[in-house]
Amino acid sequence: MIPLERRDPGLAGERTRLAWARTAIAFAAVGAALVKKELAVGLLTLAAAPMVYVAGRMAARAASPRQRSRRLLAVTVTVTLVAVLALIAAFLVPGPDSLDQLLPRHG
């Protein structure tokens, strides 16, 4: 019987790498858009983009069980750090006073 770690998972690994890359690109795009409106929040979001990308690259590499647990810890810490940055960004941006400010009427 073939050990589980030697089985071909098909394209699952490639899809996972692409999902991490797509998420990092989304962080970069949102960060770039936010820089125009709120500089500090935009820079925080831009700073999170490479961290997301690197976390995805670390998570996707094949490794020994001990290395996998270390990488899982690194990915967990990175994702937690990105979440904390998002929380900080949410508190830095003042919210709208009303729904009309959030969704301006057209027409």
PDB file of N, CA and C in Angstrom:
ATOM      1  N   MET A   1       0.841  -1.184   0.000  1.00  0.00           N
ATOM      2  CA  MET A   1       0.000   0.000   0.000  1.00  0.00           C
ATOM      3  C   MET A   1       0.885   1.245   0.000  1.00  0.00           C
ATOM      4  N   ILE A   2       0.496   2.256  -0.755  1.00  0.00           N
ATOM      5  CA  ILE A   2       1.257   3.503  -0.879  1.00  0.00           C
ATOM      6  C   ILE A   2       0.974   4.382   0.342  1.00  0.00           C
ATOM      7  N   PRO A   3       2.051   4.879   0.998  1.00  0.00           N
ATOM      8  CA  PRO A   3       1.838   5.777   2.152  1.00  0.00           C
ATOM      9  C   PRO A   3       1.035   7.011   1.739  1.00  0.00           C
ATOM     10  N   LEU A   4       0.271   7.534   2.661  1.00  0.00           N
ATOM     11  CA  LEU A   4      -0.607   8.659   2.381  1.00  0.00           C
ATOM     12  C   LEU A   4       0.145   9.867   1.822  1.00  0.00           C
ATOM     13  N   GLU A   5       1.344  10.157   2.359  1.00  0.00           N
ATOM     14  CA  GLU A   5       2.071  11.342   1.885  1.00  0.00           C
ATOM     15  C   GLU A   5       2.654  11.166   0.486  1.00  0.00           C
ATOM     16  N   ARG A   6       2.668   9.955  -0.065  1.00  0.00           N
ATOM     17  CA  ARG A   6       3.197   9.743  -1.410  1.00  0.00           C
ATOM     18  C   ARG A   6       2.101   9.638  -2.466  1.00  0.00           C
ATOM     19  N   ARG A   7       0.871   9.647  -2.067  1.00  0.00           N
ATOM     20  CA  ARG A   7      -0.226   9.584  -3.029  1.00  0.00           C
ATOM     21  C   ARG A   7      -0.319  10.897  -3.790  1.00  0.00           C
ATOM     22  N   ASP A   8      -0.694  10.786  -5.050  1.00  0.00           N
ATOM     23  CA  ASP A   8      -0.849  11.980  -5.884  1.00  0.00           C
ATOM     24  C   ASP A   8      -2.197  12.616  -5.583  1.00  0.00           C
ATOM     25  N   PRO A   9      -2.194  13.836  -5.037  1.00  0.00           N
ATOM     26  CA  PRO A   9      -3.466  14.465  -4.706  1.00  0.00           C
ATOM     27  C   PRO A   9      -4.133  15.115  -5.914  1.00  0.00           C
ATOM     28  N   GLY A  10      -3.593  14.886  -7.103  1.00  0.00           N
ATOM     29  CA  GLY A  10      -4.161  15.548  -8.277  1.00  0.00           C
ATOM     30  C   GLY A  10      -3.734  16.996  -8.302  1.00  0.00           C
ATOM     31  N   LEU A  11      -4.658  17.844  -8.574  1.00  0.00           N
ATOM     32  CA  LEU A  11      -4.349  19.277  -8.660  1.00  0.00           C
ATOM     33  C   LEU A  11      -4.744  20.033  -7.397  1.00  0.00           C
ATOM     34  N   ALA A  12      -5.008  19.321  -6.322  1.00  0.00           N
ATOM     35  CA  ALA A  12      -5.427  19.985  -5.080  1.00  0.00           C
ATOM     36  C   ALA A  12      -4.360  20.954  -4.572  1.00  0.00           C
ATOM     37  N   GLY A  13      -3.106  20.539  -4.616  1.00  0.00           N
ATOM     38  CA  GLY A  13      -2.027  21.419  -4.160  1.00  0.00           C
ATOM     39  C   GLY A  13      -1.912  22.667  -5.010  1.00  0.00           C
ATOM     40  N   GLU A  14      -2.063  22.504  -6.307  1.00  0.00           N
ATOM     41  CA  GLU A  14      -1.991  23.655  -7.213  1.00  0.00           C
ATOM     42  C   GLU A  14      -3.158  24.612  -6.951  1.00  0.00           C
ATOM     43  N   ARG A  15      -4.342  24.074  -6.739  1.00  0.00           N
ATOM     44  CA  ARG A  15      -5.497  24.927  -6.443  1.00  0.00           C
ATOM     45  C   ARG A  15      -5.293  25.675  -5.130  1.00  0.00           C
ATOM     46  N   THR A  16      -4.697  25.014  -4.153  1.00  0.00           N
ATOM     47  CA  THR A  16      -4.444  25.658  -2.868  1.00  0.00           C
ATOM     48  C   THR A  16      -3.440  26.794  -3.030  1.00  0.00           C
ATOM     49  N   ARG A  17      -2.359  26.554  -3.772  1.00  0.00           N
ATOM     50  CA  ARG A  17      -1.370  27.618  -4.016  1.00  0.00           C
ATOM     51  C   ARG A  17      -2.004  28.794  -4.741  1.00  0.00           C
ATOM     52  N   LEU A  18      -2.838  28.497  -5.724  1.00  0.00           N
ATOM     53  CA  LEU A  18      -3.505  29.571  -6.460  1.00  0.00           C
ATOM     54  C   LEU A  18      -4.467  30.352  -5.565  1.00  0.00           C
ATOM     55  N   ALA A  19      -5.134  29.668  -4.653  1.00  0.00           N
ATOM     56  CA  ALA A  19      -6.052  30.358  -3.736  1.00  0.00           C
ATOM     57  C   ALA A  19      -5.291  31.308  -2.816  1.00  0.00           C
ATOM     58  N   TRP A  20      -4.139  30.858  -2.299  1.00  0.00           N
ATOM     59  CA  TRP A  20      -3.329  31.740  -1.446  1.00  0.00           C
ATOM     60  C   TRP A  20      -2.832  32.940  -2.248  1.00  0.00           C
ATOM     61  N   ALA A  21      -2.372  32.698  -3.478  1.00  0.00           N
ATOM     62  CA  ALA A  21      -1.879  33.797  -4.318  1.00  0.00           C
ATOM     63  C   ALA A  21      -3.009  34.774  -4.633  1.00  0.00           C
ATOM     64  N   ARG A  22      -4.188  34.248  -4.941  1.00  0.00           N
ATOM     65  CA  ARG A  22      -5.340  35.100  -5.242  1.00  0.00           C
ATOM     66  C   ARG A  22      -5.713  35.942  -4.015  1.00  0.00           C
ATOM     67  N   THR A  23      -5.636  35.358  -2.848  1.00  0.00           N
ATOM     68  CA  THR A  23      -5.950  36.100  -1.627  1.00  0.00           C
ATOM     69  C   THR A  23      -4.929  37.216  -1.395  1.00  0.00           C
ATOM     70  N   ALA A  24      -3.658  36.921  -1.633  1.00  0.00           N
ATOM     71  CA  ALA A  24      -2.616  37.947  -1.473  1.00  0.00           C
ATOM     72  C   ALA A  24      -2.816  39.083  -2.478  1.00  0.00           C
ATOM     73  N   ILE A  25      -3.185  38.742  -3.714  1.00  0.00           N
ATOM     74  CA  ILE A  25      -3.444  39.777  -4.722  1.00  0.00           C
ATOM     75  C   ILE A  25      -4.641  40.629  -4.305  1.00  0.00           C
ATOM     76  N   ALA A  26      -5.647  39.995  -3.729  1.00  0.00           N
ATOM     77  CA  ALA A  26      -6.821  40.743  -3.268  1.00  0.00           C
ATOM     78  C   ALA A  26      -6.438  41.709  -2.144  1.00  0.00           C
ATOM     79  N   PHE A  27      -5.601  41.246  -1.215  1.00  0.00           N
ATOM     80  CA  PHE A  27      -5.133  42.142  -0.150  1.00  0.00           C
ATOM     81  C   PHE A  27      -4.384  43.332  -0.748  1.00  0.00           C
ATOM     82  N   ALA A  28      -3.532  43.070  -1.732  1.00  0.00           N
ATOM     83  CA  ALA A  28      -2.770  44.152  -2.351  1.00  0.00           C
ATOM     84  C   ALA A  28      -3.692  45.136  -3.066  1.00  0.00           C
ATOM     85  N   ALA A  29      -4.691  44.632  -3.773  1.00  0.00           N
ATOM     86  CA  ALA A  29      -5.614  45.511  -4.503  1.00  0.00           C
ATOM     87  C   ALA A  29      -6.448  46.356  -3.552  1.00  0.00           C
ATOM     88  N   VAL A  30      -6.962  45.732  -2.511  1.00  0.00           N
ATOM     89  CA  VAL A  30      -7.758  46.476  -1.531  1.00  0.00           C
ATOM     90  C   VAL A  30      -6.870  47.486  -0.802  1.00  0.00           C
ATOM     91  N   GLY A  31      -5.650  47.095  -0.475  1.00  0.00           N
ATOM     92  CA  GLY A  31      -4.719  48.010   0.179  1.00  0.00           C
ATOM     93  C   GLY A  31      -4.404  49.216  -0.681  1.00  0.00           C
ATOM     94  N   ALA A  32      -4.180  48.968  -1.978  1.00  0.00           N
ATOM     95  CA  ALA A  32      -3.892  50.071  -2.894  1.00  0.00           C
ATOM     96  C   ALA A  32      -5.083  51.020  -2.990  1.00  0.00           C
ATOM     97  N   ALA A  33      -6.285  50.474  -3.015  1.00  0.00           N
ATOM     98  CA  ALA A  33      -7.474  51.326  -3.062  1.00  0.00           C
ATOM     99  C   ALA A  33      -7.645  52.100  -1.757  1.00  0.00           C
ATOM    100  N   LEU A  34      -7.335  51.466  -0.642  1.00  0.00           N
ATOM    101  CA  LEU A  34      -7.493  52.128   0.659  1.00  0.00           C
ATOM    102  C   LEU A  34      -6.463  53.223   0.883  1.00  0.00           C
ATOM    103  N   VAL A  35      -5.298  53.108   0.273  1.00  0.00           N
ATOM    104  CA  VAL A  35      -4.257  54.126   0.458  1.00  0.00           C
ATOM    105  C   VAL A  35      -4.779  55.494   0.034  1.00  0.00           C
ATOM    106  N   LYS A  36      -5.634  55.523  -0.998  1.00  0.00           N
ATOM    107  CA  LYS A  36      -6.179  56.797  -1.474  1.00  0.00           C
ATOM    108  C   LYS A  36      -7.136  57.420  -0.461  1.00  0.00           C
ATOM    109  N   LYS A  37      -7.833  56.584   0.298  1.00  0.00           N
ATOM    110  CA  LYS A  37      -8.840  57.084   1.235  1.00  0.00           C
ATOM    111  C   LYS A  37      -8.281  57.221   2.649  1.00  0.00           C
ATOM    112  N   GLU A  38      -7.653  56.166   3.142  1.00  0.00           N
ATOM    113  CA  GLU A  38      -7.097  56.136   4.503  1.00  0.00           C
ATOM    114  C   GLU A  38      -5.683  55.572   4.421  1.00  0.00           C
ATOM    115  N   LEU A  39      -4.693  56.420   4.532  1.00  0.00           N
ATOM    116  CA  LEU A  39      -3.302  56.018   4.331  1.00  0.00           C
ATOM    117  C   LEU A  39      -2.865  54.907   5.283  1.00  0.00           C
ATOM    118  N   ALA A  40      -3.111  55.053   6.571  1.00  0.00           N
ATOM    119  CA  ALA A  40      -2.641  54.068   7.555  1.00  0.00           C
ATOM    120  C   ALA A  40      -3.273  52.700   7.321  1.00  0.00           C
ATOM    121  N   VAL A  41      -4.566  52.683   7.072  1.00  0.00           N
ATOM    122  CA  VAL A  41      -5.265  51.419   6.847  1.00  0.00           C
ATOM    123  C   VAL A  41      -4.786  50.778   5.554  1.00  0.00           C
ATOM    124  N   GLY A  42      -4.609  51.575   4.529  1.00  0.00           N
ATOM    125  CA  GLY A  42      -4.122  51.057   3.255  1.00  0.00           C
ATOM    126  C   GLY A  42      -2.740  50.442   3.376  1.00  0.00           C
ATOM    127  N   LEU A  43      -1.870  51.103   4.122  1.00  0.00           N
ATOM    128  CA  LEU A  43      -0.521  50.566   4.315  1.00  0.00           C
ATOM    129  C   LEU A  43      -0.535  49.281   5.137  1.00  0.00           C
ATOM    130  N   LEU A  44      -1.405  49.205   6.138  1.00  0.00           N
ATOM    131  CA  LEU A  44      -1.543  47.966   6.907  1.00  0.00           C
ATOM    132  C   LEU A  44      -2.018  46.822   6.011  1.00  0.00           C
ATOM    133  N   THR A  45      -2.971  47.120   5.166  1.00  0.00           N
ATOM    134  CA  THR A  45      -3.495  46.092   4.267  1.00  0.00           C
ATOM    135  C   THR A  45      -2.440  45.685   3.243  1.00  0.00           C
ATOM    136  N   LEU A  46      -1.718  46.645   2.721  1.00  0.00           N
ATOM    137  CA  LEU A  46      -0.627  46.321   1.788  1.00  0.00           C
ATOM    138  C   LEU A  46       0.453  45.490   2.464  1.00  0.00           C
ATOM    139  N   ALA A  47       0.728  45.763   3.725  1.00  0.00           N
ATOM    140  CA  ALA A  47       1.735  44.997   4.468  1.00  0.00           C
ATOM    141  C   ALA A  47       1.280  43.560   4.690  1.00  0.00           C
ATOM    142  N   ALA A  48      -0.014  43.337   4.748  1.00  0.00           N
ATOM    143  CA  ALA A  48      -0.534  41.982   4.962  1.00  0.00           C
ATOM    144  C   ALA A  48      -0.421  41.124   3.703  1.00  0.00           C
ATOM    145  N   ALA A  49      -0.413  41.729   2.528  1.00  0.00           N
ATOM    146  CA  ALA A  49      -0.399  40.971   1.271  1.00  0.00           C
ATOM    147  C   ALA A  49       0.806  40.036   1.151  1.00  0.00           C
ATOM    148  N   PRO A  50       2.039  40.508   1.350  1.00  0.00           N
ATOM    149  CA  PRO A  50       3.165  39.578   1.242  1.00  0.00           C
ATOM    150  C   PRO A  50       3.155  38.514   2.338  1.00  0.00           C
ATOM    151  N   MET A  51       2.636  38.862   3.513  1.00  0.00           N
ATOM    152  CA  MET A  51       2.567  37.870   4.583  1.00  0.00           C
ATOM    153  C   MET A  51       1.616  36.737   4.199  1.00  0.00           C
ATOM    154  N   VAL A  52       0.495  37.076   3.579  1.00  0.00           N
ATOM    155  CA  VAL A  52      -0.458  36.056   3.134  1.00  0.00           C
ATOM    156  C   VAL A  52       0.184  35.178   2.064  1.00  0.00           C
ATOM    157  N   TYR A  53       0.891  35.801   1.132  1.00  0.00           N
ATOM    158  CA  TYR A  53       1.528  35.047   0.052  1.00  0.00           C
ATOM    159  C   TYR A  53       2.575  34.072   0.604  1.00  0.00           C
ATOM    160  N   VAL A  54       3.422  34.554   1.491  1.00  0.00           N
ATOM    161  CA  VAL A  54       4.475  33.709   2.070  1.00  0.00           C
ATOM    162  C   VAL A  54       3.863  32.587   2.906  1.00  0.00           C
ATOM    163  N   ALA A  55       2.802  32.889   3.642  1.00  0.00           N
ATOM    164  CA  ALA A  55       2.137  31.846   4.431  1.00  0.00           C
ATOM    165  C   ALA A  55       1.611  30.747   3.521  1.00  0.00           C
ATOM    166  N   GLY A  56       1.050  31.131   2.405  1.00  0.00           N
ATOM    167  CA  GLY A  56       0.552  30.141   1.459  1.00  0.00           C
ATOM    168  C   GLY A  56       1.662  29.303   0.850  1.00  0.00           C
ATOM    169  N   ARG A  57       2.786  29.922   0.547  1.00  0.00           N
ATOM    170  CA  ARG A  57       3.926  29.178  -0.003  1.00  0.00           C
ATOM    171  C   ARG A  57       4.476  28.203   1.029  1.00  0.00           C
ATOM    172  N   MET A  58       4.527  28.621   2.288  1.00  0.00           N
ATOM    173  CA  MET A  58       5.022  27.729   3.340  1.00  0.00           C
ATOM    174  C   MET A  58       4.069  26.559   3.551  1.00  0.00           C
ATOM    175  N   ALA A  59       2.779  26.832   3.515  1.00  0.00           N
ATOM    176  CA  ALA A  59       1.796  25.778   3.767  1.00  0.00           C
ATOM    177  C   ALA A  59       1.778  24.746   2.650  1.00  0.00           C
ATOM    178  N   ALA A  60       2.144  25.139   1.438  1.00  0.00           N
ATOM    179  CA  ALA A  60       2.022  24.253   0.286  1.00  0.00           C
ATOM    180  C   ALA A  60       3.217  23.319   0.097  1.00  0.00           C
ATOM    181  N   ARG A  61       4.341  23.617   0.699  1.00  0.00           N
ATOM    182  CA  ARG A  61       5.546  22.800   0.494  1.00  0.00           C
ATOM    183  C   ARG A  61       5.435  21.458   1.204  1.00  0.00           C
ATOM    184  N   ALA A  62       5.890  20.420   0.525  1.00  0.00           N
ATOM    185  CA  ALA A  62       5.938  19.094   1.148  1.00  0.00           C
ATOM    186  C   ALA A  62       7.121  19.066   2.119  1.00  0.00           C
ATOM    187  N   ALA A  63       6.925  18.418   3.247  1.00  0.00           N
ATOM    188  CA  ALA A  63       7.985  18.374   4.256  1.00  0.00           C
ATOM    189  C   ALA A  63       7.761  17.185   5.177  1.00  0.00           C
ATOM    190  N   SER A  64       8.727  16.971   6.040  1.00  0.00           N
ATOM    191  CA  SER A  64       8.604  15.906   7.037  1.00  0.00           C
ATOM    192  C   SER A  64       7.520  16.304   8.048  1.00  0.00           C
ATOM    193  N   PRO A  65       7.010  15.342   8.817  1.00  0.00           N
ATOM    194  CA  PRO A  65       5.967  15.687   9.798  1.00  0.00           C
ATOM    195  C   PRO A  65       6.387  16.772  10.785  1.00  0.00           C
ATOM    196  N   ARG A  66       7.645  16.751  11.217  1.00  0.00           N
ATOM    197  CA  ARG A  66       8.107  17.777  12.153  1.00  0.00           C
ATOM    198  C   ARG A  66       8.133  19.150  11.489  1.00  0.00           C
ATOM    199  N   GLN A  67       8.618  19.209  10.244  1.00  0.00           N
ATOM    200  CA  GLN A  67       8.634  20.481   9.520  1.00  0.00           C
ATOM    201  C   GLN A  67       7.212  20.957   9.239  1.00  0.00           C
ATOM    202  N   ARG A  68       6.311  20.015   8.954  1.00  0.00           N
ATOM    203  CA  ARG A  68       4.922  20.394   8.705  1.00  0.00           C
ATOM    204  C   ARG A  68       4.304  21.056   9.932  1.00  0.00           C
ATOM    205  N   SER A  69       4.598  20.524  11.120  1.00  0.00           N
ATOM    206  CA  SER A  69       4.009  21.133  12.318  1.00  0.00           C
ATOM    207  C   SER A  69       4.577  22.536  12.547  1.00  0.00           C
ATOM    208  N   ARG A  70       5.849  22.735  12.254  1.00  0.00           N
ATOM    209  CA  ARG A  70       6.437  24.074  12.381  1.00  0.00           C
ATOM    210  C   ARG A  70       5.836  25.027  11.359  1.00  0.00           C
ATOM    211  N   ARG A  71       5.656  24.527  10.129  1.00  0.00           N
ATOM    212  CA  ARG A  71       5.055  25.374   9.100  1.00  0.00           C
ATOM    213  C   ARG A  71       3.609  25.694   9.427  1.00  0.00           C
ATOM    214  N   LEU A  72       2.901  24.717   9.961  1.00  0.00           N
ATOM    215  CA  LEU A  72       1.521  24.969  10.363  1.00  0.00           C
ATOM    216  C   LEU A  72       1.475  26.047  11.443  1.00  0.00           C
ATOM    217  N   LEU A  73       2.396  25.990  12.376  1.00  0.00           N
ATOM    218  CA  LEU A  73       2.472  27.026  13.408  1.00  0.00           C
ATOM    219  C   LEU A  73       2.765  28.385  12.777  1.00  0.00           C
ATOM    220  N   ALA A  74       3.703  28.424  11.830  1.00  0.00           N
ATOM    221  CA  ALA A  74       4.041  29.687  11.163  1.00  0.00           C
ATOM    222  C   ALA A  74       2.844  30.231  10.391  1.00  0.00           C
ATOM    223  N   VAL A  75       2.123  29.366   9.696  1.00  0.00           N
ATOM    224  CA  VAL A  75       0.942  29.806   8.960  1.00  0.00           C
ATOM    225  C   VAL A  75      -0.125  30.309   9.930  1.00  0.00           C
ATOM    226  N   THR A  76      -0.318  29.605  11.040  1.00  0.00           N
ATOM    227  CA  THR A  76      -1.303  30.018  12.033  1.00  0.00           C
ATOM    228  C   THR A  76      -0.953  31.385  12.614  1.00  0.00           C
ATOM    229  N   VAL A  77       0.314  31.596  12.942  1.00  0.00           N
ATOM    230  CA  VAL A  77       0.751  32.889  13.480  1.00  0.00           C
ATOM    231  C   VAL A  77       0.548  33.989  12.441  1.00  0.00           C
ATOM    232  N   THR A  78       0.868  33.702  11.181  1.00  0.00           N
ATOM    233  CA  THR A  78       0.715  34.705  10.123  1.00  0.00           C
ATOM    234  C   THR A  78      -0.746  35.072   9.927  1.00  0.00           C
ATOM    235  N   VAL A  79      -1.612  34.070   9.858  1.00  0.00           N
ATOM    236  CA  VAL A  79      -3.039  34.340   9.676  1.00  0.00           C
ATOM    237  C   VAL A  79      -3.584  35.136  10.870  1.00  0.00           C
ATOM    238  N   THR A  80      -3.139  34.791  12.066  1.00  0.00           N
ATOM    239  CA  THR A  80      -3.571  35.531  13.254  1.00  0.00           C
ATOM    240  C   THR A  80      -3.079  36.973  13.200  1.00  0.00           C
ATOM    241  N   LEU A  81      -1.839  37.177  12.771  1.00  0.00           N
ATOM    242  CA  LEU A  81      -1.294  38.529  12.645  1.00  0.00           C
ATOM    243  C   LEU A  81      -2.078  39.349  11.626  1.00  0.00           C
ATOM    244  N   VAL A  82      -2.425  38.734  10.506  1.00  0.00           N
ATOM    245  CA  VAL A  82      -3.220  39.433   9.490  1.00  0.00           C
ATOM    246  C   VAL A  82      -4.589  39.799  10.062  1.00  0.00           C
ATOM    247  N   ALA A  83      -5.187  38.894  10.832  1.00  0.00           N
ATOM    248  CA  ALA A  83      -6.485  39.180  11.444  1.00  0.00           C
ATOM    249  C   ALA A  83      -6.377  40.342  12.437  1.00  0.00           C
ATOM    250  N   VAL A  84      -5.298  40.380  13.202  1.00  0.00           N
ATOM    251  CA  VAL A  84      -5.097  41.484  14.148  1.00  0.00           C
ATOM    252  C   VAL A  84      -4.904  42.798  13.391  1.00  0.00           C
ATOM    253  N   LEU A  85      -4.153  42.761  12.292  1.00  0.00           N
ATOM    254  CA  LEU A  85      -3.995  43.966  11.469  1.00  0.00           C
ATOM    255  C   LEU A  85      -5.341  44.432  10.925  1.00  0.00           C
ATOM    256  N   ALA A  86      -6.180  43.487  10.507  1.00  0.00           N
ATOM    257  CA  ALA A  86      -7.509  43.850  10.009  1.00  0.00           C
ATOM    258  C   ALA A  86      -8.354  44.478  11.115  1.00  0.00           C
ATOM    259  N   LEU A  87      -8.241  43.953  12.311  1.00  0.00           N
ATOM    260  CA  LEU A  87      -8.980  44.512  13.449  1.00  0.00           C
ATOM    261  C   LEU A  87      -8.502  45.924  13.760  1.00  0.00           C
ATOM    262  N   ILE A  88      -7.190  46.133  13.741  1.00  0.00           N
ATOM    263  CA  ILE A  88      -6.639  47.470  13.965  1.00  0.00           C
ATOM    264  C   ILE A  88      -7.128  48.424  12.888  1.00  0.00           C
ATOM    265  N   ALA A  89      -7.105  47.953  11.635  1.00  0.00           N
ATOM    266  CA  ALA A  89      -7.566  48.791  10.526  1.00  0.00           C
ATOM    267  C   ALA A  89      -9.038  49.147  10.694  1.00  0.00           C
ATOM    268  N   ALA A  90      -9.839  48.217  11.161  1.00  0.00           N
ATOM    269  CA  ALA A  90     -11.265  48.475  11.351  1.00  0.00           C
ATOM    270  C   ALA A  90     -11.493  49.557  12.403  1.00  0.00           C
ATOM    271  N   PHE A  91     -10.648  49.600  13.418  1.00  0.00           N
ATOM    272  CA  PHE A  91     -10.808  50.615  14.456  1.00  0.00           C
ATOM    273  C   PHE A  91     -10.206  51.956  14.055  1.00  0.00           C
ATOM    274  N   LEU A  92      -9.290  51.974  13.101  1.00  0.00           N
ATOM    275  CA  LEU A  92      -8.686  53.232  12.661  1.00  0.00           C
ATOM    276  C   LEU A  92      -9.604  54.045  11.760  1.00  0.00           C
ATOM    277  N   VAL A  93     -10.448  53.362  11.015  1.00  0.00           N
ATOM    278  CA  VAL A  93     -11.307  54.053  10.052  1.00  0.00           C
ATOM    279  C   VAL A  93     -12.595  54.470  10.744  1.00  0.00           C
ATOM    280  N   PRO A  94     -12.915  55.758  10.709  1.00  0.00           N
ATOM    281  CA  PRO A  94     -14.184  56.173  11.299  1.00  0.00           C
ATOM    282  C   PRO A  94     -15.340  55.669  10.438  1.00  0.00           C
ATOM    283  N   GLY A  95     -16.366  55.181  11.085  1.00  0.00           N
ATOM    284  CA  GLY A  95     -17.528  54.672  10.363  1.00  0.00           C
ATOM    285  C   GLY A  95     -18.420  55.794   9.878  1.00  0.00           C
ATOM    286  N   PRO A  96     -19.342  55.486   8.985  1.00  0.00           N
ATOM    287  CA  PRO A  96     -20.264  56.523   8.508  1.00  0.00           C
ATOM    288  C   PRO A  96     -21.248  56.893   9.607  1.00  0.00           C
ATOM    289  N   ASP A  97     -21.750  58.132   9.536  1.00  0.00           N
ATOM    290  CA  ASP A  97     -22.747  58.578  10.505  1.00  0.00           C
ATOM    291  C   ASP A  97     -24.120  57.981  10.206  1.00  0.00           C
ATOM    292  N   SER A  98     -24.351  57.686   8.936  1.00  0.00           N
ATOM    293  CA  SER A  98     -25.635  57.115   8.550  1.00  0.00           C
ATOM    294  C   SER A  98     -25.444  56.177   7.359  1.00  0.00           C
ATOM    295  N   LEU A  99     -26.470  55.434   7.058  1.00  0.00           N
ATOM    296  CA  LEU A  99     -26.426  54.529   5.909  1.00  0.00           C
ATOM    297  C   LEU A  99     -26.344  55.311   4.611  1.00  0.00           C
ATOM    298  N   ASP A 100     -26.905  56.524   4.592  1.00  0.00           N
ATOM    299  CA  ASP A 100     -26.837  57.355   3.389  1.00  0.00           C
ATOM    300  C   ASP A 100     -25.395  57.735   3.039  1.00  0.00           C
ATOM    301  N   GLN A 101     -24.547  57.902   4.042  1.00  0.00           N
ATOM    302  CA  GLN A 101     -23.137  58.182   3.779  1.00  0.00           C
ATOM    303  C   GLN A 101     -22.435  56.962   3.211  1.00  0.00           C
ATOM    304  N   LEU A 102     -22.842  55.808   3.653  1.00  0.00           N
ATOM    305  CA  LEU A 102     -22.215  54.572   3.197  1.00  0.00           C
ATOM    306  C   LEU A 102     -22.648  54.227   1.785  1.00  0.00           C
ATOM    307  N   LEU A 103     -23.917  54.420   1.493  1.00  0.00           N
ATOM    308  CA  LEU A 103     -24.485  54.088   0.188  1.00  0.00           C
ATOM    309  C   LEU A 103     -25.104  55.342  -0.417  1.00  0.00           C
ATOM    310  N   PRO A 104     -24.307  56.156  -1.090  1.00  0.00           N
ATOM    311  CA  PRO A 104     -24.880  57.401  -1.657  1.00  0.00           C
ATOM    312  C   PRO A 104     -25.915  57.068  -2.740  1.00  0.00           C
ATOM    313  N   ARG A 105     -26.925  57.903  -2.817  1.00  0.00           N
ATOM    314  CA  ARG A 105     -27.988  57.704  -3.805  1.00  0.00           C
ATOM    315  C   ARG A 105     -27.581  58.300  -5.139  1.00  0.00           C
ATOM    316  N   HIS A 106     -27.947  57.600  -6.204  1.00  0.00           N
ATOM    317  CA  HIS A 106     -27.657  58.073  -7.552  1.00  0.00           C
ATOM    318  C   HIS A 106     -28.993  58.284  -8.264  1.00  0.00           C
ATOM    319  N   GLY A 107     -29.081  59.362  -8.991  1.00  0.00           N
ATOM    320  CA  GLY A 107     -30.278  59.554  -9.820  1.00  0.00           C
ATOM    321  C   GLY A 107     -31.190  60.513  -9.313  1.00  0.00           C
TER     322      GLY A 107
END
